[in-house]
Structures are given as structure tokens and as C-alpha cells.
Amino acid sequence: EFRAVGRIPLRLGWKAVYQAIDSNAETEAEQTLPSL
């Protein structure tokens, strides 16, 4: 099995609180996927 995972934020919610100090602190490093 080959596998890929993508995540698209719909609403930052509480993560917006941390975004100003560390844009990567609370998010996963996932690639942007084309329409599938």
C-alpha cells in the first residue's frame, strides 16, 4: 500500500491564537493534494 494524507483547514478556531508566535507549532506538515 502506498499512502498520502492531505489536510485543508476550514476554520482555524483556537489555532489562530498560536499562529502569531509559531505558524508551524500546531499544524502537521502535510502536502496539498489536487482534486481527487
All heavy atoms as atom14 arrays in JSON, in Angstrom:
{
  "sequence": "EFRAVGRIPLRLGWKAVYQAIDSNAETEAEQTLPSL",
  "atom14_mask": [
    [1, 1, 1, 1, 1, 1, 1, 1, 1, 0, 0, 0, 0, 0],
    [1, 1, 1, 1, 1, 1, 1, 1, 1, 1, 1, 0, 0, 0],
    [1, 1, 1, 1, 1, 1, 1, 1, 1, 1, 1, 0, 0, 0],
    [1, 1, 1, 1, 1, 0, 0, 0, 0, 0, 0, 0, 0, 0],
    [1, 1, 1, 1, 1, 1, 1, 0, 0, 0, 0, 0, 0, 0],
    [1, 1, 1, 1, 0, 0, 0, 0, 0, 0, 0, 0, 0, 0],
    [1, 1, 1, 1, 1, 1, 1, 1, 1, 1, 1, 0, 0, 0],
    [1, 1, 1, 1, 1, 1, 1, 1, 0, 0, 0, 0, 0, 0],
    [1, 1, 1, 1, 1, 1, 1, 0, 0, 0, 0, 0, 0, 0],
    [1, 1, 1, 1, 1, 1, 1, 1, 0, 0, 0, 0, 0, 0],
    [1, 1, 1, 1, 1, 1, 1, 1, 1, 1, 1, 0, 0, 0],
    [1, 1, 1, 1, 1, 1, 1, 1, 0, 0, 0, 0, 0, 0],
    [1, 1, 1, 1, 0, 0, 0, 0, 0, 0, 0, 0, 0, 0],
    [1, 1, 1, 1, 1, 1, 1, 1, 1, 1, 1, 1, 1, 1],
    [1, 1, 1, 1, 1, 1, 1, 1, 1, 0, 0, 0, 0, 0],
    [1, 1, 1, 1, 1, 0, 0, 0, 0, 0, 0, 0, 0, 0],
    [1, 1, 1, 1, 1, 1, 1, 0, 0, 0, 0, 0, 0, 0],
    [1, 1, 1, 1, 1, 1, 1, 1, 1, 1, 1, 1, 0, 0],
    [1, 1, 1, 1, 1, 1, 1, 1, 1, 0, 0, 0, 0, 0],
    [1, 1, 1, 1, 1, 0, 0, 0, 0, 0, 0, 0, 0, 0],
    [1, 1, 1, 1, 1, 1, 1, 1, 0, 0, 0, 0, 0, 0],
    [1, 1, 1, 1, 1, 1, 1, 1, 0, 0, 0, 0, 0, 0],
    [1, 1, 1, 1, 1, 1, 0, 0, 0, 0, 0, 0, 0, 0],
    [1, 1, 1, 1, 1, 1, 1, 1, 0, 0, 0, 0, 0, 0],
    [1, 1, 1, 1, 1, 0, 0, 0, 0, 0, 0, 0, 0, 0],
    [1, 1, 1, 1, 1, 1, 1, 1, 1, 0, 0, 0, 0, 0],
    [1, 1, 1, 1, 1, 1, 1, 0, 0, 0, 0, 0, 0, 0],
    [1, 1, 1, 1, 1, 1, 1, 1, 1, 0, 0, 0, 0, 0],
    [1, 1, 1, 1, 1, 0, 0, 0, 0, 0, 0, 0, 0, 0],
    [1, 1, 1, 1, 1, 1, 1, 1, 1, 0, 0, 0, 0, 0],
    [1, 1, 1, 1, 1, 1, 1, 1, 1, 0, 0, 0, 0, 0],
    [1, 1, 1, 1, 1, 1, 1, 0, 0, 0, 0, 0, 0, 0],
    [1, 1, 1, 1, 1, 1, 1, 1, 0, 0, 0, 0, 0, 0],
    [1, 1, 1, 1, 1, 1, 1, 0, 0, 0, 0, 0, 0, 0],
    [1, 1, 1, 1, 1, 1, 0, 0, 0, 0, 0, 0, 0, 0],
    [1, 1, 1, 1, 1, 1, 1, 1, 0, 0, 0, 0, 0, 0]
  ],
  "atom14_positions": [
    [[0.83, -1.21, 0.0], [0.0, 0.0, 0.0], [0.86, 1.25, 0.0], [1.74, 1.42, 0.83], [-0.92, 0.02, 1.22], [-1.84, 1.24, 1.24], [-2.72, 1.3, 2.48], [-2.21, 1.76, 3.54], [-3.89, 0.9, 2.39], [0.0, 0.0, 0.0], [0.0, 0.0, 0.0], [0.0, 0.0, 0.0], [0.0, 0.0, 0.0], [0.0, 0.0, 0.0]],
    [[0.58, 2.13, -0.96], [1.13, 3.49, -0.95], [0.04, 4.41, -0.4], [-1.15, 4.18, -0.61], [1.54, 3.92, -2.36], [2.85, 3.33, -2.81], [2.93, 2.01, -3.25], [4.01, 4.08, -2.78], [4.13, 1.46, -3.66], [5.23, 3.53, -3.18], [5.3, 2.23, -3.63], [0.0, 0.0, 0.0], [0.0, 0.0, 0.0], [0.0, 0.0, 0.0]],
    [[0.49, 5.48, 0.3], [-0.48, 6.3, 1.03], [-0.06, 7.77, 1.0], [1.13, 8.1, 0.99], [-0.54, 5.79, 2.48], [-1.48, 6.51, 3.41], [-1.34, 5.89, 4.81], [-2.11, 6.59, 5.82], [-3.36, 6.29, 6.16], [-3.96, 5.27, 5.57], [-4.0, 6.97, 7.08], [0.0, 0.0, 0.0], [0.0, 0.0, 0.0], [0.0, 0.0, 0.0]],
    [[-1.05, 8.65, 0.98], [-0.82, 10.09, 1.09], [-1.94, 10.69, 1.92], [-3.08, 10.21, 1.89], [-0.76, 10.74, -0.28], [0.0, 0.0, 0.0], [0.0, 0.0, 0.0], [0.0, 0.0, 0.0], [0.0, 0.0, 0.0], [0.0, 0.0, 0.0], [0.0, 0.0, 0.0], [0.0, 0.0, 0.0], [0.0, 0.0, 0.0], [0.0, 0.0, 0.0]],
    [[-1.61, 11.73, 2.68], [-2.59, 12.4, 3.52], [-2.51, 13.89, 3.28], [-1.41, 14.47, 3.21], [-2.36, 12.1, 5.02], [-3.38, 12.85, 5.88], [-2.43, 10.61, 5.29], [0.0, 0.0, 0.0], [0.0, 0.0, 0.0], [0.0, 0.0, 0.0], [0.0, 0.0, 0.0], [0.0, 0.0, 0.0], [0.0, 0.0, 0.0], [0.0, 0.0, 0.0]],
    [[-3.64, 14.52, 3.13], [-3.71, 15.98, 2.97], [-4.74, 16.56, 3.92], [-5.73, 15.9, 4.26], [0.0, 0.0, 0.0], [0.0, 0.0, 0.0], [0.0, 0.0, 0.0], [0.0, 0.0, 0.0], [0.0, 0.0, 0.0], [0.0, 0.0, 0.0], [0.0, 0.0, 0.0], [0.0, 0.0, 0.0], [0.0, 0.0, 0.0], [0.0, 0.0, 0.0]],
    [[-4.5, 17.77, 4.35], [-5.42, 18.41, 5.29], [-5.65, 19.85, 4.85], [-4.7, 20.59, 4.61], [-4.85, 18.36, 6.7], [-5.71, 19.03, 7.74], [-5.1, 18.97, 9.12], [-5.11, 17.62, 9.65], [-4.8, 17.32, 10.92], [-4.44, 18.28, 11.75], [-4.83, 16.07, 11.33], [0.0, 0.0, 0.0], [0.0, 0.0, 0.0], [0.0, 0.0, 0.0]],
    [[-6.92, 20.23, 4.76], [-7.28, 21.6, 4.39], [-8.01, 22.24, 5.56], [-9.09, 21.78, 5.97], [-8.2, 21.62, 3.14], [-7.49, 20.98, 1.96], [-8.63, 23.05, 2.82], [-8.39, 20.82, 0.74], [0.0, 0.0, 0.0], [0.0, 0.0, 0.0], [0.0, 0.0, 0.0], [0.0, 0.0, 0.0], [0.0, 0.0, 0.0], [0.0, 0.0, 0.0]],
    [[-7.46, 23.3, 6.17], [-8.15, 23.97, 7.27], [-9.45, 24.62, 6.78], [-9.47, 25.29, 5.74], [-7.15, 25.04, 7.74], [-5.83, 24.59, 7.2], [-6.14, 23.88, 5.91], [0.0, 0.0, 0.0], [0.0, 0.0, 0.0], [0.0, 0.0, 0.0], [0.0, 0.0, 0.0], [0.0, 0.0, 0.0], [0.0, 0.0, 0.0], [0.0, 0.0, 0.0]],
    [[-10.52, 24.4, 7.51], [-11.79, 25.04, 7.2], [-12.05, 26.22, 8.14], [-12.62, 27.22, 7.75], [-12.93, 24.02, 7.33], [-12.82, 22.78, 6.44], [-13.96, 21.82, 6.74], [-12.81, 23.17, 4.97], [0.0, 0.0, 0.0], [0.0, 0.0, 0.0], [0.0, 0.0, 0.0], [0.0, 0.0, 0.0], [0.0, 0.0, 0.0], [0.0, 0.0, 0.0]],
    [[-11.62, 26.06, 9.4], [-11.77, 27.12, 10.4], [-10.63, 26.98, 11.4], [-10.51, 25.96, 12.07], [-13.12, 27.0, 11.1], [-13.41, 28.11, 12.08], [-14.72, 27.86, 12.8], [-15.13, 29.0, 13.59], [-16.19, 29.02, 14.4], [-16.93, 27.92, 14.53], [-16.49, 30.11, 15.08], [0.0, 0.0, 0.0], [0.0, 0.0, 0.0], [0.0, 0.0, 0.0]],
    [[-9.79, 27.98, 11.5], [-8.64, 27.88, 12.39], [-9.04, 27.75, 13.85], [-8.41, 27.05, 14.63], [-7.73, 29.1, 12.22], [-6.78, 29.06, 11.03], [-5.97, 30.35, 10.97], [-5.85, 27.86, 11.1], [0.0, 0.0, 0.0], [0.0, 0.0, 0.0], [0.0, 0.0, 0.0], [0.0, 0.0, 0.0], [0.0, 0.0, 0.0], [0.0, 0.0, 0.0]],
    [[-10.09, 28.43, 14.26], [-10.55, 28.34, 15.64], [-9.43, 28.68, 16.62], [-8.72, 29.68, 16.47], [0.0, 0.0, 0.0], [0.0, 0.0, 0.0], [0.0, 0.0, 0.0], [0.0, 0.0, 0.0], [0.0, 0.0, 0.0], [0.0, 0.0, 0.0], [0.0, 0.0, 0.0], [0.0, 0.0, 0.0], [0.0, 0.0, 0.0], [0.0, 0.0, 0.0]],
    [[-9.19, 27.8, 17.61], [-8.2, 28.08, 18.65], [-6.78, 28.13, 18.13], [-5.9, 28.75, 18.75], [-8.3, 27.05, 19.78], [-8.05, 25.63, 19.37], [-8.95, 24.71, 18.97], [-6.77, 24.99, 19.31], [-8.34, 23.53, 18.66], [-7.0, 23.66, 18.88], [-5.47, 25.39, 19.59], [-5.96, 22.74, 18.71], [-4.43, 24.47, 19.43], [-4.69, 23.17, 18.99]],
    [[-6.51, 27.51, 16.96], [-5.15, 27.54, 16.43], [-4.72, 28.94, 16.01], [-3.53, 29.24, 15.93], [-5.01, 26.56, 15.27], [-5.05, 25.11, 15.71], [-4.38, 24.2, 14.72], [-4.28, 22.79, 15.26], [-3.47, 21.9, 14.44], [0.0, 0.0, 0.0], [0.0, 0.0, 0.0], [0.0, 0.0, 0.0], [0.0, 0.0, 0.0], [0.0, 0.0, 0.0]],
    [[-5.69, 29.82, 15.76], [-5.36, 31.2, 15.42], [-4.66, 31.89, 16.58], [-3.88, 32.83, 16.38], [-6.63, 31.96, 15.05], [0.0, 0.0, 0.0], [0.0, 0.0, 0.0], [0.0, 0.0, 0.0], [0.0, 0.0, 0.0], [0.0, 0.0, 0.0], [0.0, 0.0, 0.0], [0.0, 0.0, 0.0], [0.0, 0.0, 0.0], [0.0, 0.0, 0.0]],
    [[-4.9, 31.43, 17.8], [-4.28, 32.03, 18.97], [-2.77, 31.82, 18.95], [-1.99, 32.67, 19.37], [-4.88, 31.43, 20.26], [-4.17, 31.97, 21.49], [-6.37, 31.7, 20.33], [0.0, 0.0, 0.0], [0.0, 0.0, 0.0], [0.0, 0.0, 0.0], [0.0, 0.0, 0.0], [0.0, 0.0, 0.0], [0.0, 0.0, 0.0], [0.0, 0.0, 0.0]],
    [[-2.32, 30.66, 18.43], [-0.91, 30.32, 18.42], [-0.21, 30.68, 17.11], [1.01, 30.65, 17.03], [-0.72, 28.83, 18.67], [-1.13, 28.41, 20.07], [-2.38, 27.86, 20.31], [-0.26, 28.59, 21.14], [-2.75, 27.48, 21.59], [-0.62, 28.22, 22.42], [-1.87, 27.66, 22.64], [-2.23, 27.29, 23.91], [0.0, 0.0, 0.0], [0.0, 0.0, 0.0]],
    [[-0.99, 31.03, 16.09], [-0.41, 31.23, 14.76], [0.59, 32.38, 14.74], [1.6, 32.33, 14.05], [-1.53, 31.5, 13.75], [-1.18, 31.06, 12.35], [-2.36, 31.17, 11.41], [-3.18, 32.07, 11.54], [-2.45, 30.26, 10.46], [0.0, 0.0, 0.0], [0.0, 0.0, 0.0], [0.0, 0.0, 0.0], [0.0, 0.0, 0.0], [0.0, 0.0, 0.0]],
    [[0.35, 33.41, 15.54], [1.21, 34.59, 15.51], [2.61, 34.29, 16.02], [3.59, 34.89, 15.58], [0.58, 35.7, 16.35], [0.0, 0.0, 0.0], [0.0, 0.0, 0.0], [0.0, 0.0, 0.0], [0.0, 0.0, 0.0], [0.0, 0.0, 0.0], [0.0, 0.0, 0.0], [0.0, 0.0, 0.0], [0.0, 0.0, 0.0], [0.0, 0.0, 0.0]],
    [[2.77, 33.35, 16.97], [4.09, 33.08, 17.54], [4.79, 31.92, 16.86], [6.01, 31.84, 16.87], [4.0, 32.81, 19.06], [3.04, 31.65, 19.35], [3.59, 34.05, 19.8], [3.1, 31.18, 20.79], [0.0, 0.0, 0.0], [0.0, 0.0, 0.0], [0.0, 0.0, 0.0], [0.0, 0.0, 0.0], [0.0, 0.0, 0.0], [0.0, 0.0, 0.0]],
    [[4.02, 31.02, 16.26], [4.64, 29.86, 15.61], [3.66, 29.27, 14.62], [2.79, 28.49, 14.99], [5.05, 28.82, 16.65], [5.88, 27.7, 16.05], [6.02, 27.67, 14.81], [6.39, 26.86, 16.81], [0.0, 0.0, 0.0], [0.0, 0.0, 0.0], [0.0, 0.0, 0.0], [0.0, 0.0, 0.0], [0.0, 0.0, 0.0], [0.0, 0.0, 0.0]],
    [[3.83, 29.61, 13.39], [2.86, 29.17, 12.38], [2.86, 27.67, 12.2], [1.9, 27.09, 11.7], [3.16, 29.84, 11.04], [4.48, 29.52, 10.62], [0.0, 0.0, 0.0], [0.0, 0.0, 0.0], [0.0, 0.0, 0.0], [0.0, 0.0, 0.0], [0.0, 0.0, 0.0], [0.0, 0.0, 0.0], [0.0, 0.0, 0.0], [0.0, 0.0, 0.0]],
    [[3.93, 26.99, 12.64], [4.0, 25.54, 12.48], [3.79, 24.79, 13.77], [3.84, 23.57, 13.81], [5.37, 25.14, 11.9], [5.58, 25.71, 10.52], [4.69, 25.69, 9.7], [6.78, 26.23, 10.27], [0.0, 0.0, 0.0], [0.0, 0.0, 0.0], [0.0, 0.0, 0.0], [0.0, 0.0, 0.0], [0.0, 0.0, 0.0], [0.0, 0.0, 0.0]],
    [[3.54, 25.53, 14.86], [3.52, 24.88, 16.17], [2.39, 23.89, 16.31], [2.52, 22.87, 16.96], [3.42, 25.94, 17.26], [0.0, 0.0, 0.0], [0.0, 0.0, 0.0], [0.0, 0.0, 0.0], [0.0, 0.0, 0.0], [0.0, 0.0, 0.0], [0.0, 0.0, 0.0], [0.0, 0.0, 0.0], [0.0, 0.0, 0.0], [0.0, 0.0, 0.0]],
    [[1.26, 24.17, 15.71], [0.1, 23.34, 15.97], [-0.43, 22.66, 14.7], [-1.55, 22.2, 14.66], [-1.02, 24.21, 16.59], [-0.6, 24.94, 17.86], [-0.36, 23.99, 19.01], [-0.92, 22.88, 19.0], [0.39, 24.34, 19.93], [0.0, 0.0, 0.0], [0.0, 0.0, 0.0], [0.0, 0.0, 0.0], [0.0, 0.0, 0.0], [0.0, 0.0, 0.0]],
    [[0.32, 22.68, 13.64], [-0.18, 22.09, 12.4], [0.75, 21.0, 11.92], [1.94, 20.99, 12.21], [-0.3, 23.17, 11.3], [0.98, 23.74, 11.09], [-1.28, 24.25, 11.72], [0.0, 0.0, 0.0], [0.0, 0.0, 0.0], [0.0, 0.0, 0.0], [0.0, 0.0, 0.0], [0.0, 0.0, 0.0], [0.0, 0.0, 0.0], [0.0, 0.0, 0.0]],
    [[0.23, 20.08, 11.15], [1.02, 18.99, 10.6], [1.6, 19.4, 9.25], [0.98, 20.15, 8.49], [0.16, 17.74, 10.43], [-0.35, 17.17, 11.73], [-1.17, 15.92, 11.5], [-1.06, 15.34, 10.41], [-1.92, 15.55, 12.4], [0.0, 0.0, 0.0], [0.0, 0.0, 0.0], [0.0, 0.0, 0.0], [0.0, 0.0, 0.0], [0.0, 0.0, 0.0]],
    [[2.77, 18.91, 8.96], [3.4, 19.19, 7.66], [2.82, 18.21, 6.65], [3.37, 17.14, 6.43], [4.9, 19.04, 7.76], [0.0, 0.0, 0.0], [0.0, 0.0, 0.0], [0.0, 0.0, 0.0], [0.0, 0.0, 0.0], [0.0, 0.0, 0.0], [0.0, 0.0, 0.0], [0.0, 0.0, 0.0], [0.0, 0.0, 0.0], [0.0, 0.0, 0.0]],
    [[1.71, 18.58, 6.03], [1.06, 17.7, 5.06], [0.97, 18.43, 3.72], [0.77, 19.64, 3.67], [-0.34, 17.31, 5.55], [-0.29, 16.43, 6.8], [-1.68, 16.1, 7.31], [-2.6, 16.87, 7.03], [-1.83, 15.08, 7.99], [0.0, 0.0, 0.0], [0.0, 0.0, 0.0], [0.0, 0.0, 0.0], [0.0, 0.0, 0.0], [0.0, 0.0, 0.0]],
    [[1.11, 17.67, 2.63], [1.11, 18.27, 1.31], [-0.29, 18.66, 0.86], [-1.3, 18.17, 1.37], [1.72, 17.28, 0.32], [0.94, 15.98, 0.2], [1.59, 15.01, -0.76], [2.02, 15.39, -1.85], [1.7, 13.75, -0.35], [0.0, 0.0, 0.0], [0.0, 0.0, 0.0], [0.0, 0.0, 0.0], [0.0, 0.0, 0.0], [0.0, 0.0, 0.0]],
    [[-0.32, 19.59, -0.07], [-1.59, 19.99, -0.67], [-1.9, 19.02, -1.81], [-1.07, 18.81, -2.71], [-1.51, 21.42, -1.22], [-1.19, 22.3, -0.15], [-2.83, 21.83, -1.86], [0.0, 0.0, 0.0], [0.0, 0.0, 0.0], [0.0, 0.0, 0.0], [0.0, 0.0, 0.0], [0.0, 0.0, 0.0], [0.0, 0.0, 0.0], [0.0, 0.0, 0.0]],
    [[-3.09, 18.42, -1.77], [-3.46, 17.42, -2.78], [-4.33, 18.06, -3.85], [-5.11, 18.98, -3.58], [-4.24, 16.28, -2.12], [-3.49, 15.5, -1.04], [-4.42, 14.47, -0.41], [-2.26, 14.81, -1.61], [0.0, 0.0, 0.0], [0.0, 0.0, 0.0], [0.0, 0.0, 0.0], [0.0, 0.0, 0.0], [0.0, 0.0, 0.0], [0.0, 0.0, 0.0]],
    [[-4.21, 17.58, -5.1], [-5.14, 18.05, -6.15], [-6.54, 17.49, -5.89], [-6.74, 16.66, -5.01], [-4.53, 17.47, -7.43], [-3.79, 16.25, -6.98], [-3.27, 16.57, -5.61], [0.0, 0.0, 0.0], [0.0, 0.0, 0.0], [0.0, 0.0, 0.0], [0.0, 0.0, 0.0], [0.0, 0.0, 0.0], [0.0, 0.0, 0.0], [0.0, 0.0, 0.0]],
    [[-7.49, 17.95, -6.68], [-8.85, 17.42, -6.55], [-8.85, 15.94, -6.94], [-8.34, 15.55, -8.0], [-9.78, 18.21, -7.48], [-11.08, 17.68, -7.42], [0.0, 0.0, 0.0], [0.0, 0.0, 0.0], [0.0, 0.0, 0.0], [0.0, 0.0, 0.0], [0.0, 0.0, 0.0], [0.0, 0.0, 0.0], [0.0, 0.0, 0.0], [0.0, 0.0, 0.0]],
    [[-9.41, 15.1, -6.05], [-9.39, 13.65, -6.26], [-10.77, 13.07, -6.02], [-11.56, 13.62, -5.25], [-8.38, 12.99, -5.3], [-6.91, 13.41, -5.41], [-6.12, 12.89, -4.22], [-6.31, 12.9, -6.72], [0.0, 0.0, 0.0], [0.0, 0.0, 0.0], [0.0, 0.0, 0.0], [0.0, 0.0, 0.0], [0.0, 0.0, 0.0], [0.0, 0.0, 0.0]]
  ]
}
